[in-house]
Amino acid sequence: MKIIISPAKSLDFESKVPTSLHTQPRFLDKSEKLNKKLKTLSKKKLSELMKISDDLSALNYDRNQTWQTPFTPKNAKQAIYSFTGAVFQGIDVNSLSEEKIPLLQNNLRILSGLYGLLKPLDLIQPYRLEMGTKLKVGRTENLYKFWDNTVANALNEELKDDELLVNLASSEYFKVIPKKVLKVPMITPVFKDLKNGEYKIVMTYAKKARGLMVRYIIDNNVKTIEDLKGFNVDNYRYSEEMSTETELLFTR
């Protein structure tokens, strides 16, 4: 089983990592091209492009200027320990037993505007580049065009013919993977909360639930759709009547 998730804007490059194991991002050469472009942008241009505050644009301007290869544990950090958003809070990698790390490394993939496709232990340096950013690089007008089929083809190489792909990424990030290119079926878990008599996606809760689902899959070595339906963390329960062949709906 392969799981895809989105990255997070919030990062932690201060805390120590409990493992020395690390790998290198597969598409670092393409990341260098993107960074080369980012380095040419002023703080004002970054603020306009990413619609961020002056303080954030100054922070990311500095990040872009200091970004450099090669990546080592001294100037970079493993991706799964770097992102700190709601999805990653749900995964809670710091409480994951050491023997489960190889399974996480094998099963989980993180989509990224700058790095394309990351394994959990891939080293990264601080950045901000959301997949939906309309950054022109060479002849490509945005990041979806820049990455083209690169990410989907990489996933296809890793996926076995009968393996399941679980999509826990946001729509912004999943758009970088054309469905028609994928060679295996894809299942998308959806999480809804009861609000004012209706089941609705509450994004804050849904993001955390995506991370909890990742953790559930790793903790229980989930391999089938039936196993996925057993997810019952944080009061979520599978709803057969609200689910479809491609979407598993969980409510609470």
C-alpha atoms as a PDB file:
ATOM      1  CA  MET A   1       0.000   0.000   0.000  1.00  0.00           C
ATOM      2  CA  LYS A   2       1.163   3.500  -0.829  1.00  0.00           C
ATOM      3  CA  ILE A   3      -0.245   6.587   0.875  1.00  0.00           C
ATOM      4  CA  ILE A   4       0.067  10.136  -0.440  1.00  0.00           C
ATOM      5  CA  ILE A   5      -0.317  13.246   1.696  1.00  0.00           C
ATOM      6  CA  SER A   6       0.272  16.978   1.328  1.00  0.00           C
ATOM      7  CA  PRO A   7       3.140  18.768   3.056  1.00  0.00           C
ATOM      8  CA  ALA A   8       2.630  21.546   5.620  1.00  0.00           C
ATOM      9  CA  LYS A   9       3.555  25.213   5.627  1.00  0.00           C
ATOM     10  CA  SER A  10       4.595  25.013   9.286  1.00  0.00           C
ATOM     11  CA  LEU A  11       8.112  23.642   9.799  1.00  0.00           C
ATOM     12  CA  ASP A  12      10.392  22.648  12.666  1.00  0.00           C
ATOM     13  CA  PHE A  13      14.112  22.665  11.968  1.00  0.00           C
ATOM     14  CA  GLU A  14      15.148  23.148  15.576  1.00  0.00           C
ATOM     15  CA  SER A  15      14.091  19.934  17.328  1.00  0.00           C
ATOM     16  CA  LYS A  16      16.460  16.991  17.315  1.00  0.00           C
ATOM     17  CA  VAL A  17      15.615  13.903  15.279  1.00  0.00           C
ATOM     18  CA  PRO A  18      15.601  10.512  17.064  1.00  0.00           C
ATOM     19  CA  THR A  19      17.194   8.687  14.120  1.00  0.00           C
ATOM     20  CA  SER A  20      20.295   9.089  11.984  1.00  0.00           C
ATOM     21  CA  LEU A  21      18.648   7.286   9.063  1.00  0.00           C
ATOM     22  CA  HIS A  22      18.124   9.521   6.053  1.00  0.00           C
ATOM     23  CA  THR A  23      17.685   9.429   2.292  1.00  0.00           C
ATOM     24  CA  GLN A  24      17.958  11.955  -0.549  1.00  0.00           C
ATOM     25  CA  PRO A  25      15.007  13.448  -2.461  1.00  0.00           C
ATOM     26  CA  ARG A  26      14.645  11.726  -5.814  1.00  0.00           C
ATOM     27  CA  PHE A  27      14.097  14.890  -7.847  1.00  0.00           C
ATOM     28  CA  LEU A  28      16.679  17.172  -6.269  1.00  0.00           C
ATOM     29  CA  ASP A  29      17.886  18.242  -9.720  1.00  0.00           C
ATOM     30  CA  LYS A  30      14.425  19.637 -10.480  1.00  0.00           C
ATOM     31  CA  SER A  31      14.275  21.224  -7.019  1.00  0.00           C
ATOM     32  CA  GLU A  32      17.522  23.037  -7.836  1.00  0.00           C
ATOM     33  CA  LYS A  33      15.929  24.484 -10.987  1.00  0.00           C
ATOM     34  CA  LEU A  34      12.990  25.727  -8.944  1.00  0.00           C
ATOM     35  CA  ASN A  35      15.238  27.220  -6.291  1.00  0.00           C
ATOM     36  CA  LYS A  36      17.331  28.942  -8.937  1.00  0.00           C
ATOM     37  CA  LYS A  37      14.147  30.688 -10.072  1.00  0.00           C
ATOM     38  CA  LEU A  38      13.039  31.459  -6.499  1.00  0.00           C
ATOM     39  CA  LYS A  39      16.397  33.071  -5.739  1.00  0.00           C
ATOM     40  CA  THR A  40      15.738  35.699  -8.430  1.00  0.00           C
ATOM     41  CA  LEU A  41      12.525  36.874  -6.753  1.00  0.00           C
ATOM     42  CA  SER A  42      12.622  39.882  -4.423  1.00  0.00           C
ATOM     43  CA  LYS A  43      10.828  39.919  -1.088  1.00  0.00           C
ATOM     44  CA  LYS A  44       8.088  42.031  -2.670  1.00  0.00           C
ATOM     45  CA  LYS A  45       7.687  39.599  -5.588  1.00  0.00           C
ATOM     46  CA  LEU A  46       7.503  36.636  -3.180  1.00  0.00           C
ATOM     47  CA  SER A  47       4.842  38.428  -1.140  1.00  0.00           C
ATOM     48  CA  GLU A  48       2.752  39.065  -4.268  1.00  0.00           C
ATOM     49  CA  LEU A  49       3.276  35.598  -5.752  1.00  0.00           C
ATOM     50  CA  MET A  50       2.483  33.654  -2.581  1.00  0.00           C
ATOM     51  CA  LYS A  51       0.066  36.187  -1.069  1.00  0.00           C
ATOM     52  CA  ILE A  52       1.984  36.262   2.213  1.00  0.00           C
ATOM     53  CA  SER A  53       2.915  38.959   4.727  1.00  0.00           C
ATOM     54  CA  ASP A  54       6.102  41.018   4.583  1.00  0.00           C
ATOM     55  CA  ASP A  55       7.527  39.050   7.500  1.00  0.00           C
ATOM     56  CA  LEU A  56       6.860  35.710   5.809  1.00  0.00           C
ATOM     57  CA  SER A  57       8.234  36.935   2.500  1.00  0.00           C
ATOM     58  CA  ALA A  58      11.427  38.087   4.264  1.00  0.00           C
ATOM     59  CA  LEU A  59      11.739  34.687   5.988  1.00  0.00           C
ATOM     60  CA  ASN A  60      11.287  32.785   2.743  1.00  0.00           C
ATOM     61  CA  TYR A  61      13.542  35.118   0.784  1.00  0.00           C
ATOM     62  CA  ASP A  62      16.312  34.195   3.240  1.00  0.00           C
ATOM     63  CA  ARG A  63      15.427  30.508   2.945  1.00  0.00           C
ATOM     64  CA  ASN A  64      15.667  30.686  -0.832  1.00  0.00           C
ATOM     65  CA  GLN A  65      19.050  32.413  -0.738  1.00  0.00           C
ATOM     66  CA  THR A  66      20.607  29.934   1.705  1.00  0.00           C
ATOM     67  CA  TRP A  67      19.121  26.789   0.096  1.00  0.00           C
ATOM     68  CA  GLN A  68      21.971  24.738  -1.324  1.00  0.00           C
ATOM     69  CA  THR A  69      23.064  21.220  -2.167  1.00  0.00           C
ATOM     70  CA  PRO A  70      24.368  18.732  -1.270  1.00  0.00           C
ATOM     71  CA  PHE A  71      21.937  17.931   1.544  1.00  0.00           C
ATOM     72  CA  THR A  72      23.474  16.502   4.699  1.00  0.00           C
ATOM     73  CA  PRO A  73      22.115  15.932   8.231  1.00  0.00           C
ATOM     74  CA  LYS A  74      23.993  19.118   9.187  1.00  0.00           C
ATOM     75  CA  ASN A  75      22.192  21.451   6.772  1.00  0.00           C
ATOM     76  CA  ALA A  76      18.925  19.555   6.230  1.00  0.00           C
ATOM     77  CA  LYS A  77      16.398  17.450   8.124  1.00  0.00           C
ATOM     78  CA  GLN A  78      14.216  14.408   7.390  1.00  0.00           C
ATOM     79  CA  ALA A  79      10.865  15.487   5.919  1.00  0.00           C
ATOM     80  CA  ILE A  80       8.632  13.560   8.320  1.00  0.00           C
ATOM     81  CA  TYR A  81      10.280  15.326  11.279  1.00  0.00           C
ATOM     82  CA  SER A  82      10.254  18.747   9.579  1.00  0.00           C
ATOM     83  CA  PHE A  83       6.577  19.306   8.762  1.00  0.00           C
ATOM     84  CA  THR A  84       4.390  20.138  11.771  1.00  0.00           C
ATOM     85  CA  GLY A  85       0.910  20.848  10.379  1.00  0.00           C
ATOM     86  CA  ALA A  86      -2.327  19.107  11.391  1.00  0.00           C
ATOM     87  CA  VAL A  87      -1.748  16.034   9.197  1.00  0.00           C
ATOM     88  CA  PHE A  88       1.673  15.500  10.752  1.00  0.00           C
ATOM     89  CA  GLN A  89       0.282  16.050  14.240  1.00  0.00           C
ATOM     90  CA  GLY A  90      -2.090  13.201  13.475  1.00  0.00           C
ATOM     91  CA  ILE A  91       0.788  10.970  12.357  1.00  0.00           C
ATOM     92  CA  ASP A  92       2.759  11.908  15.495  1.00  0.00           C
ATOM     93  CA  VAL A  93       5.965  10.325  14.214  1.00  0.00           C
ATOM     94  CA  ASN A  94       7.845  10.983  17.455  1.00  0.00           C
ATOM     95  CA  SER A  95       5.674   8.431  19.247  1.00  0.00           C
ATOM     96  CA  LEU A  96       6.016   5.837  16.468  1.00  0.00           C
ATOM     97  CA  SER A  97       8.043   2.799  17.504  1.00  0.00           C
ATOM     98  CA  GLU A  98      11.451   2.545  15.860  1.00  0.00           C
ATOM     99  CA  GLU A  99      10.650  -0.761  14.166  1.00  0.00           C
ATOM    100  CA  LYS A 100       7.742   0.913  12.336  1.00  0.00           C
ATOM    101  CA  ILE A 101       9.939   3.561  10.663  1.00  0.00           C
ATOM    102  CA  PRO A 102      10.931   1.297   7.716  1.00  0.00           C
ATOM    103  CA  LEU A 103       7.237   0.595   7.056  1.00  0.00           C
ATOM    104  CA  LEU A 104       6.492   4.328   7.117  1.00  0.00           C
ATOM    105  CA  GLN A 105       9.404   4.933   4.742  1.00  0.00           C
ATOM    106  CA  ASN A 106       8.110   2.284   2.360  1.00  0.00           C
ATOM    107  CA  ASN A 107       4.419   3.207   2.426  1.00  0.00           C
ATOM    108  CA  LEU A 108       4.172   6.988   2.797  1.00  0.00           C
ATOM    109  CA  ARG A 109       4.862   9.627   0.142  1.00  0.00           C
ATOM    110  CA  ILE A 110       4.643  13.386   0.641  1.00  0.00           C
ATOM    111  CA  LEU A 111       3.767  15.579  -2.335  1.00  0.00           C
ATOM    112  CA  SER A 112       5.697  18.848  -2.505  1.00  0.00           C
ATOM    113  CA  GLY A 113       5.794  21.912  -4.713  1.00  0.00           C
ATOM    114  CA  LEU A 114       9.581  22.146  -4.410  1.00  0.00           C
ATOM    115  CA  TYR A 115      10.575  18.485  -4.080  1.00  0.00           C
ATOM    116  CA  GLY A 116       7.869  16.751  -6.111  1.00  0.00           C
ATOM    117  CA  LEU A 117       7.636  13.478  -4.213  1.00  0.00           C
ATOM    118  CA  LEU A 118       9.277  12.815  -0.853  1.00  0.00           C
ATOM    119  CA  LYS A 119       9.878   9.727   1.232  1.00  0.00           C
ATOM    120  CA  PRO A 120       9.555  10.347   4.987  1.00  0.00           C
ATOM    121  CA  LEU A 121      13.311  10.123   5.611  1.00  0.00           C
ATOM    122  CA  ASP A 122      14.316  12.279   2.641  1.00  0.00           C
ATOM    123  CA  LEU A 123      16.363  15.269   3.751  1.00  0.00           C
ATOM    124  CA  ILE A 124      14.889  18.689   3.001  1.00  0.00           C
ATOM    125  CA  GLN A 125      15.815  22.290   3.685  1.00  0.00           C
ATOM    126  CA  PRO A 126      13.263  24.922   4.817  1.00  0.00           C
ATOM    127  CA  TYR A 127      11.053  26.263   2.039  1.00  0.00           C
ATOM    128  CA  ARG A 128       7.632  27.536   1.152  1.00  0.00           C
ATOM    129  CA  LEU A 129       6.250  26.674  -2.272  1.00  0.00           C
ATOM    130  CA  GLU A 130       2.670  25.486  -2.447  1.00  0.00           C
ATOM    131  CA  MET A 131       1.737  23.341  -5.433  1.00  0.00           C
ATOM    132  CA  GLY A 132      -0.870  25.851  -6.582  1.00  0.00           C
ATOM    133  CA  THR A 133       1.695  28.668  -6.851  1.00  0.00           C
ATOM    134  CA  LYS A 134       1.759  30.159 -10.366  1.00  0.00           C
ATOM    135  CA  LEU A 135       5.529  30.171 -10.626  1.00  0.00           C
ATOM    136  CA  LYS A 136       6.824  30.357 -14.187  1.00  0.00           C
ATOM    137  CA  VAL A 137       9.955  28.302 -14.749  1.00  0.00           C
ATOM    138  CA  GLY A 138      11.399  28.250 -18.242  1.00  0.00           C
ATOM    139  CA  ARG A 139       8.552  27.397 -20.598  1.00  0.00           C
ATOM    140  CA  THR A 140       6.255  26.083 -17.880  1.00  0.00           C
ATOM    141  CA  GLU A 141       3.636  28.474 -16.529  1.00  0.00           C
ATOM    142  CA  ASN A 142       2.990  26.817 -13.158  1.00  0.00           C
ATOM    143  CA  LEU A 143       4.139  23.961 -10.930  1.00  0.00           C
ATOM    144  CA  TYR A 144       1.599  21.499 -12.319  1.00  0.00           C
ATOM    145  CA  LYS A 145       3.123  21.996 -15.757  1.00  0.00           C
ATOM    146  CA  PHE A 146       6.641  21.929 -14.337  1.00  0.00           C
ATOM    147  CA  TRP A 147       6.135  18.556 -12.671  1.00  0.00           C
ATOM    148  CA  ASP A 148       3.933  17.287 -15.534  1.00  0.00           C
ATOM    149  CA  ASN A 149       3.723  13.471 -15.199  1.00  0.00           C
ATOM    150  CA  THR A 150       6.939  13.190 -13.167  1.00  0.00           C
ATOM    151  CA  VAL A 151       5.253  12.462  -9.839  1.00  0.00           C
ATOM    152  CA  ALA A 152       2.661  10.064 -11.278  1.00  0.00           C
ATOM    153  CA  ASN A 153       5.321   8.143 -13.203  1.00  0.00           C
ATOM    154  CA  ALA A 154       7.456   7.866 -10.070  1.00  0.00           C
ATOM    155  CA  LEU A 155       4.506   6.462  -8.132  1.00  0.00           C
ATOM    156  CA  ASN A 156       3.783   3.980 -10.919  1.00  0.00           C
ATOM    157  CA  GLU A 157       7.369   2.740 -10.747  1.00  0.00           C
ATOM    158  CA  GLU A 158       6.989   2.056  -7.037  1.00  0.00           C
ATOM    159  CA  LEU A 159       3.490   0.563  -7.119  1.00  0.00           C
ATOM    160  CA  LYS A 160       2.976  -3.136  -7.695  1.00  0.00           C
ATOM    161  CA  ASP A 161       0.159  -4.094 -10.077  1.00  0.00           C
ATOM    162  CA  ASP A 162      -2.162  -5.186  -7.257  1.00  0.00           C
ATOM    163  CA  GLU A 163      -1.100  -2.528  -4.736  1.00  0.00           C
ATOM    164  CA  LEU A 164      -3.549   0.012  -3.339  1.00  0.00           C
ATOM    165  CA  LEU A 165      -2.987   3.777  -3.513  1.00  0.00           C
ATOM    166  CA  VAL A 166      -4.610   5.714  -0.675  1.00  0.00           C
ATOM    167  CA  ASN A 167      -5.080   9.410  -1.372  1.00  0.00           C
ATOM    168  CA  LEU A 168      -4.957  11.517   1.787  1.00  0.00           C
ATOM    169  CA  ALA A 169      -3.684  14.625   0.003  1.00  0.00           C
ATOM    170  CA  SER A 170      -5.568  17.874  -0.534  1.00  0.00           C
ATOM    171  CA  SER A 171      -7.108  18.537  -3.947  1.00  0.00           C
ATOM    172  CA  GLU A 172      -4.493  21.263  -4.563  1.00  0.00           C
ATOM    173  CA  TYR A 173      -1.696  18.746  -4.293  1.00  0.00           C
ATOM    174  CA  PHE A 174      -3.391  15.715  -5.783  1.00  0.00           C
ATOM    175  CA  LYS A 175      -3.923  17.653  -9.030  1.00  0.00           C
ATOM    176  CA  VAL A 176      -0.220  17.076  -9.770  1.00  0.00           C
ATOM    177  CA  ILE A 177      -1.070  13.387 -10.303  1.00  0.00           C
ATOM    178  CA  PRO A 178      -3.301  12.864 -13.381  1.00  0.00           C
ATOM    179  CA  LYS A 179      -5.656   9.993 -12.533  1.00  0.00           C
ATOM    180  CA  LYS A 180      -5.477   8.605 -16.073  1.00  0.00           C
ATOM    181  CA  VAL A 181      -1.727   8.085 -15.686  1.00  0.00           C
ATOM    182  CA  LEU A 182      -1.974   5.943 -12.541  1.00  0.00           C
ATOM    183  CA  LYS A 183      -1.794   2.201 -13.150  1.00  0.00           C
ATOM    184  CA  VAL A 184      -3.585   1.094  -9.958  1.00  0.00           C
ATOM    185  CA  PRO A 185      -6.956   1.855  -8.306  1.00  0.00           C
ATOM    186  CA  MET A 186      -7.019   4.798  -5.911  1.00  0.00           C
ATOM    187  CA  ILE A 187      -9.082   5.121  -2.746  1.00  0.00           C
ATOM    188  CA  THR A 188      -9.767   8.486  -1.104  1.00  0.00           C
ATOM    189  CA  PRO A 189     -10.860   8.481   2.550  1.00  0.00           C
ATOM    190  CA  VAL A 190     -13.132  11.445   3.382  1.00  0.00           C
ATOM    191  CA  PHE A 191     -13.848  12.652   6.908  1.00  0.00           C
ATOM    192  CA  LYS A 192     -17.019  14.498   7.901  1.00  0.00           C
ATOM    193  CA  ASP A 193     -18.316  15.869  11.182  1.00  0.00           C
ATOM    194  CA  LEU A 194     -21.955  16.358  12.194  1.00  0.00           C
ATOM    195  CA  LYS A 195     -22.658  20.100  12.263  1.00  0.00           C
ATOM    196  CA  ASN A 196     -26.153  21.567  12.601  1.00  0.00           C
ATOM    197  CA  GLY A 197     -27.766  18.298  11.572  1.00  0.00           C
ATOM    198  CA  GLU A 198     -25.552  17.797   8.500  1.00  0.00           C
ATOM    199  CA  TYR A 199     -22.323  15.922   7.870  1.00  0.00           C
ATOM    200  CA  LYS A 200     -19.730  18.386   6.609  1.00  0.00           C
ATOM    201  CA  ILE A 201     -15.997  18.447   5.988  1.00  0.00           C
ATOM    202  CA  VAL A 202     -14.472  20.646   8.669  1.00  0.00           C
ATOM    203  CA  MET A 203     -11.004  21.205   7.238  1.00  0.00           C
ATOM    204  CA  THR A 204      -9.168  21.534  10.558  1.00  0.00           C
ATOM    205  CA  TYR A 205     -10.571  18.214  11.738  1.00  0.00           C
ATOM    206  CA  ALA A 206     -10.241  16.560   8.316  1.00  0.00           C
ATOM    207  CA  LYS A 207      -6.519  17.347   8.099  1.00  0.00           C
ATOM    208  CA  LYS A 208      -5.884  15.849  11.522  1.00  0.00           C
ATOM    209  CA  ALA A 209      -7.968  12.797  10.556  1.00  0.00           C
ATOM    210  CA  ARG A 210      -5.838  12.245   7.453  1.00  0.00           C
ATOM    211  CA  GLY A 211      -2.795  12.028   9.678  1.00  0.00           C
ATOM    212  CA  LEU A 212      -4.593   9.702  12.073  1.00  0.00           C
ATOM    213  CA  MET A 213      -5.455   7.469   9.123  1.00  0.00           C
ATOM    214  CA  VAL A 214      -1.779   7.313   8.103  1.00  0.00           C
ATOM    215  CA  ARG A 215      -0.860   6.335  11.640  1.00  0.00           C
ATOM    216  CA  TYR A 216      -3.641   3.719  11.716  1.00  0.00           C
ATOM    217  CA  ILE A 217      -2.362   2.176   8.477  1.00  0.00           C
ATOM    218  CA  ILE A 218       1.212   2.000   9.763  1.00  0.00           C
ATOM    219  CA  ASP A 219       0.323   0.775  13.268  1.00  0.00           C
ATOM    220  CA  ASN A 220      -1.889  -1.992  11.883  1.00  0.00           C
ATOM    221  CA  ASN A 221       0.069  -2.732   8.682  1.00  0.00           C
ATOM    222  CA  VAL A 222      -3.132  -2.185   6.689  1.00  0.00           C
ATOM    223  CA  LYS A 223      -3.076  -3.638   3.173  1.00  0.00           C
ATOM    224  CA  THR A 224      -6.691  -3.886   1.957  1.00  0.00           C
ATOM    225  CA  ILE A 225      -9.776  -1.710   1.533  1.00  0.00           C
ATOM    226  CA  GLU A 226     -11.583  -3.835   4.122  1.00  0.00           C
ATOM    227  CA  ASP A 227      -8.789  -3.107   6.581  1.00  0.00           C
ATOM    228  CA  LEU A 228      -9.138   0.616   5.861  1.00  0.00           C
ATOM    229  CA  LYS A 229     -12.842   0.463   6.705  1.00  0.00           C
ATOM    230  CA  GLY A 230     -11.872  -0.596  10.208  1.00  0.00           C
ATOM    231  CA  PHE A 231     -10.511   2.883  10.985  1.00  0.00           C
ATOM    232  CA  ASN A 232     -12.210   3.975  14.215  1.00  0.00           C
ATOM    233  CA  VAL A 233      -9.835   6.549  15.677  1.00  0.00           C
ATOM    234  CA  ASP A 234     -10.993   9.773  17.393  1.00  0.00           C
ATOM    235  CA  ASN A 235     -14.644   8.620  17.205  1.00  0.00           C
ATOM    236  CA  TYR A 236     -14.698   8.350  13.402  1.00  0.00           C
ATOM    237  CA  ARG A 237     -16.616   5.407  11.966  1.00  0.00           C
ATOM    238  CA  TYR A 238     -16.925   4.062   8.432  1.00  0.00           C
ATOM    239  CA  SER A 239     -20.248   4.849   6.728  1.00  0.00           C
ATOM    240  CA  GLU A 240     -21.100   2.283   4.076  1.00  0.00           C
ATOM    241  CA  GLU A 241     -24.207   4.105   2.857  1.00  0.00           C
ATOM    242  CA  MET A 242     -22.285   7.359   2.285  1.00  0.00           C
ATOM    243  CA  SER A 243     -19.272   5.724   0.629  1.00  0.00           C
ATOM    244  CA  THR A 244     -18.623   4.936  -3.028  1.00  0.00           C
ATOM    245  CA  GLU A 245     -16.228   2.637  -4.888  1.00  0.00           C
ATOM    246  CA  THR A 246     -13.527   5.306  -4.868  1.00  0.00           C
ATOM    247  CA  GLU A 247     -14.343   7.235  -1.657  1.00  0.00           C
ATOM    248  CA  LEU A 248     -14.504   5.786   1.836  1.00  0.00           C
ATOM    249  CA  LEU A 249     -16.490   8.116   4.035  1.00  0.00           C
ATOM    250  CA  PHE A 250     -15.950   8.315   7.785  1.00  0.00           C
ATOM    251  CA  THR A 251     -18.238  10.294  10.067  1.00  0.00           C
ATOM    252  CA  ARG A 252     -18.462  11.328  13.690  1.00  0.00           C
END
